């Protein structure tokens, strides 16, 4: 959980400084997110666990590469789902004061 919180804070800072809509940004931020997740996970494991996680360089590199590569192709699907389930914003607000 600590790993996800640190990763979220890092990505939130990046998004507030650099953002552009589209699949390229989504793929870029997914790659950075995966890289940071593994780095922070290994660091937290080394600092807080008595038997820390093995590095497994090729396995982690494979996970980062496949997730980043698939993110580009998943973006249109996620975009369609976002449009499909996005709630409509009411044009008029009706309440007790407005009748």
C-alpha atoms as a PDB file:
ATOM      1  CA  UNK A   1       0.000   0.000   0.000  1.00  0.00           C
ATOM      2  CA  UNK A   2       2.868   2.343   0.775  1.00  0.00           C
ATOM      3  CA  UNK A   3       4.239   1.675  -2.697  1.00  0.00           C
ATOM      4  CA  UNK A   4       0.959   2.667  -4.342  1.00  0.00           C
ATOM      5  CA  UNK A   5       0.661   5.846  -2.264  1.00  0.00           C
ATOM      6  CA  UNK A   6       4.174   6.988  -3.171  1.00  0.00           C
ATOM      7  CA  UNK A   7       3.551   6.104  -6.814  1.00  0.00           C
ATOM      8  CA  UNK A   8       0.282   8.081  -6.809  1.00  0.00           C
ATOM      9  CA  UNK A   9       1.924  11.153  -5.283  1.00  0.00           C
ATOM     10  CA  UNK A  10       4.744  11.013  -7.834  1.00  0.00           C
ATOM     11  CA  UNK A  11       2.319  10.682 -10.770  1.00  0.00           C
ATOM     12  CA  UNK A  12       0.093  13.442  -9.389  1.00  0.00           C
ATOM     13  CA  UNK A  13       3.070  15.815  -9.360  1.00  0.00           C
ATOM     14  CA  UNK A  14       3.969  14.843 -12.934  1.00  0.00           C
ATOM     15  CA  UNK A  15       0.383  15.315 -14.141  1.00  0.00           C
ATOM     16  CA  UNK A  16       0.192  18.790 -12.618  1.00  0.00           C
ATOM     17  CA  UNK A  17       3.383  19.830 -14.431  1.00  0.00           C
ATOM     18  CA  UNK A  18       3.127  17.975 -17.755  1.00  0.00           C
ATOM     19  CA  UNK A  19      -0.087  16.782 -19.411  1.00  0.00           C
ATOM     20  CA  UNK A  20      -1.361  16.309 -22.939  1.00  0.00           C
ATOM     21  CA  UNK A  21      -4.394  14.242 -23.939  1.00  0.00           C
ATOM     22  CA  UNK A  22      -3.956  11.135 -26.006  1.00  0.00           C
ATOM     23  CA  UNK A  23      -2.543   7.649 -26.229  1.00  0.00           C
ATOM     24  CA  UNK A  24       1.093   8.800 -26.228  1.00  0.00           C
ATOM     25  CA  UNK A  25       0.746  10.462 -22.817  1.00  0.00           C
ATOM     26  CA  UNK A  26      -1.160   7.474 -21.424  1.00  0.00           C
ATOM     27  CA  UNK A  27       1.560   5.107 -22.623  1.00  0.00           C
ATOM     28  CA  UNK A  28       4.319   7.381 -21.299  1.00  0.00           C
ATOM     29  CA  UNK A  29       2.740   7.745 -17.867  1.00  0.00           C
ATOM     30  CA  UNK A  30       2.026   4.003 -17.689  1.00  0.00           C
ATOM     31  CA  UNK A  31       5.685   3.242 -18.358  1.00  0.00           C
ATOM     32  CA  UNK A  32       6.848   5.713 -15.718  1.00  0.00           C
ATOM     33  CA  UNK A  33       4.274   4.358 -13.283  1.00  0.00           C
ATOM     34  CA  UNK A  34       5.406   0.769 -13.770  1.00  0.00           C
ATOM     35  CA  UNK A  35       9.070   1.700 -13.425  1.00  0.00           C
ATOM     36  CA  UNK A  36       8.435   3.733 -10.272  1.00  0.00           C
ATOM     37  CA  UNK A  37       6.249   0.982  -8.809  1.00  0.00           C
ATOM     38  CA  UNK A  38       9.033  -1.581  -9.056  1.00  0.00           C
ATOM     39  CA  UNK A  39      11.714   0.798  -7.765  1.00  0.00           C
ATOM     40  CA  UNK A  40       9.619   1.913  -4.794  1.00  0.00           C
ATOM     41  CA  UNK A  41       8.519  -1.672  -4.108  1.00  0.00           C
ATOM     42  CA  UNK A  42      12.107  -2.895  -3.957  1.00  0.00           C
ATOM     43  CA  UNK A  43      13.150   0.053  -1.802  1.00  0.00           C
ATOM     44  CA  UNK A  44      10.274  -0.459   0.652  1.00  0.00           C
ATOM     45  CA  UNK A  45      10.955  -4.181   0.740  1.00  0.00           C
ATOM     46  CA  UNK A  46      14.624  -3.579   1.497  1.00  0.00           C
ATOM     47  CA  UNK A  47      13.866  -1.028   4.232  1.00  0.00           C
ATOM     48  CA  UNK A  48      10.917  -2.619   6.032  1.00  0.00           C
ATOM     49  CA  UNK A  49      10.983  -6.401   5.510  1.00  0.00           C
ATOM     50  CA  UNK A  50      13.348  -8.834   7.227  1.00  0.00           C
ATOM     51  CA  UNK A  51      13.593 -10.951   4.043  1.00  0.00           C
ATOM     52  CA  UNK A  52      13.428  -8.449   1.214  1.00  0.00           C
ATOM     53  CA  UNK A  53      12.142  -9.158  -2.268  1.00  0.00           C
ATOM     54  CA  UNK A  54      14.605 -10.431  -4.884  1.00  0.00           C
ATOM     55  CA  UNK A  55      15.459  -8.057  -7.707  1.00  0.00           C
ATOM     56  CA  UNK A  56      14.590 -10.444 -10.602  1.00  0.00           C
ATOM     57  CA  UNK A  57      15.781  -7.906 -13.168  1.00  0.00           C
ATOM     58  CA  UNK A  58      14.501  -9.636 -16.339  1.00  0.00           C
ATOM     59  CA  UNK A  59      11.077 -10.439 -14.867  1.00  0.00           C
ATOM     60  CA  UNK A  60      10.513  -6.869 -13.748  1.00  0.00           C
ATOM     61  CA  UNK A  61      11.786  -5.479 -17.046  1.00  0.00           C
ATOM     62  CA  UNK A  62       9.396  -7.796 -18.919  1.00  0.00           C
ATOM     63  CA  UNK A  63       6.461  -6.613 -16.778  1.00  0.00           C
ATOM     64  CA  UNK A  64       7.320  -2.966 -17.385  1.00  0.00           C
ATOM     65  CA  UNK A  65       7.729  -3.462 -21.153  1.00  0.00           C
ATOM     66  CA  UNK A  66       4.561  -5.505 -21.691  1.00  0.00           C
ATOM     67  CA  UNK A  67       2.362  -3.248 -19.568  1.00  0.00           C
ATOM     68  CA  UNK A  68       3.679  -0.149 -21.297  1.00  0.00           C
ATOM     69  CA  UNK A  69       3.256  -1.713 -24.746  1.00  0.00           C
ATOM     70  CA  UNK A  70      -0.286  -2.865 -24.054  1.00  0.00           C
ATOM     71  CA  UNK A  71      -1.242   0.539 -22.632  1.00  0.00           C
ATOM     72  CA  UNK A  72      -1.115   2.069 -26.109  1.00  0.00           C
ATOM     73  CA  UNK A  73      -3.642  -0.467 -27.412  1.00  0.00           C
ATOM     74  CA  UNK A  74      -5.814  -0.308 -24.285  1.00  0.00           C
ATOM     75  CA  UNK A  75      -6.200   3.472 -24.487  1.00  0.00           C
ATOM     76  CA  UNK A  76      -8.995   3.521 -27.120  1.00  0.00           C
ATOM     77  CA  UNK A  77     -10.965   0.940 -25.141  1.00  0.00           C
ATOM     78  CA  UNK A  78     -10.585   2.886 -21.913  1.00  0.00           C
ATOM     79  CA  UNK A  79     -11.534   6.107 -23.718  1.00  0.00           C
ATOM     80  CA  UNK A  80     -14.753   4.520 -25.073  1.00  0.00           C
ATOM     81  CA  UNK A  81     -15.654   3.172 -21.644  1.00  0.00           C
ATOM     82  CA  UNK A  82     -15.034   6.598 -20.126  1.00  0.00           C
ATOM     83  CA  UNK A  83     -17.387   8.216 -22.627  1.00  0.00           C
ATOM     84  CA  UNK A  84     -19.984   5.471 -22.174  1.00  0.00           C
ATOM     85  CA  UNK A  85     -20.109   5.678 -18.376  1.00  0.00           C
ATOM     86  CA  UNK A  86     -19.475   9.396 -17.933  1.00  0.00           C
ATOM     87  CA  UNK A  87     -22.409  10.942 -16.072  1.00  0.00           C
ATOM     88  CA  UNK A  88     -24.281  13.687 -17.858  1.00  0.00           C
ATOM     89  CA  UNK A  89     -23.988  17.133 -16.349  1.00  0.00           C
ATOM     90  CA  UNK A  90     -27.436  18.674 -15.962  1.00  0.00           C
ATOM     91  CA  UNK A  91     -27.991  21.858 -17.948  1.00  0.00           C
ATOM     92  CA  UNK A  92     -30.341  23.316 -15.373  1.00  0.00           C
ATOM     93  CA  UNK A  93     -30.271  22.941 -11.626  1.00  0.00           C
ATOM     94  CA  UNK A  94     -33.719  22.582 -10.070  1.00  0.00           C
ATOM     95  CA  UNK A  95     -34.080  23.021  -6.379  1.00  0.00           C
ATOM     96  CA  UNK A  96     -36.343  24.619  -3.830  1.00  0.00           C
ATOM     97  CA  UNK A  97     -35.071  28.121  -4.566  1.00  0.00           C
ATOM     98  CA  UNK A  98     -35.159  27.809  -8.351  1.00  0.00           C
ATOM     99  CA  UNK A  99     -38.580  26.183  -8.611  1.00  0.00           C
END
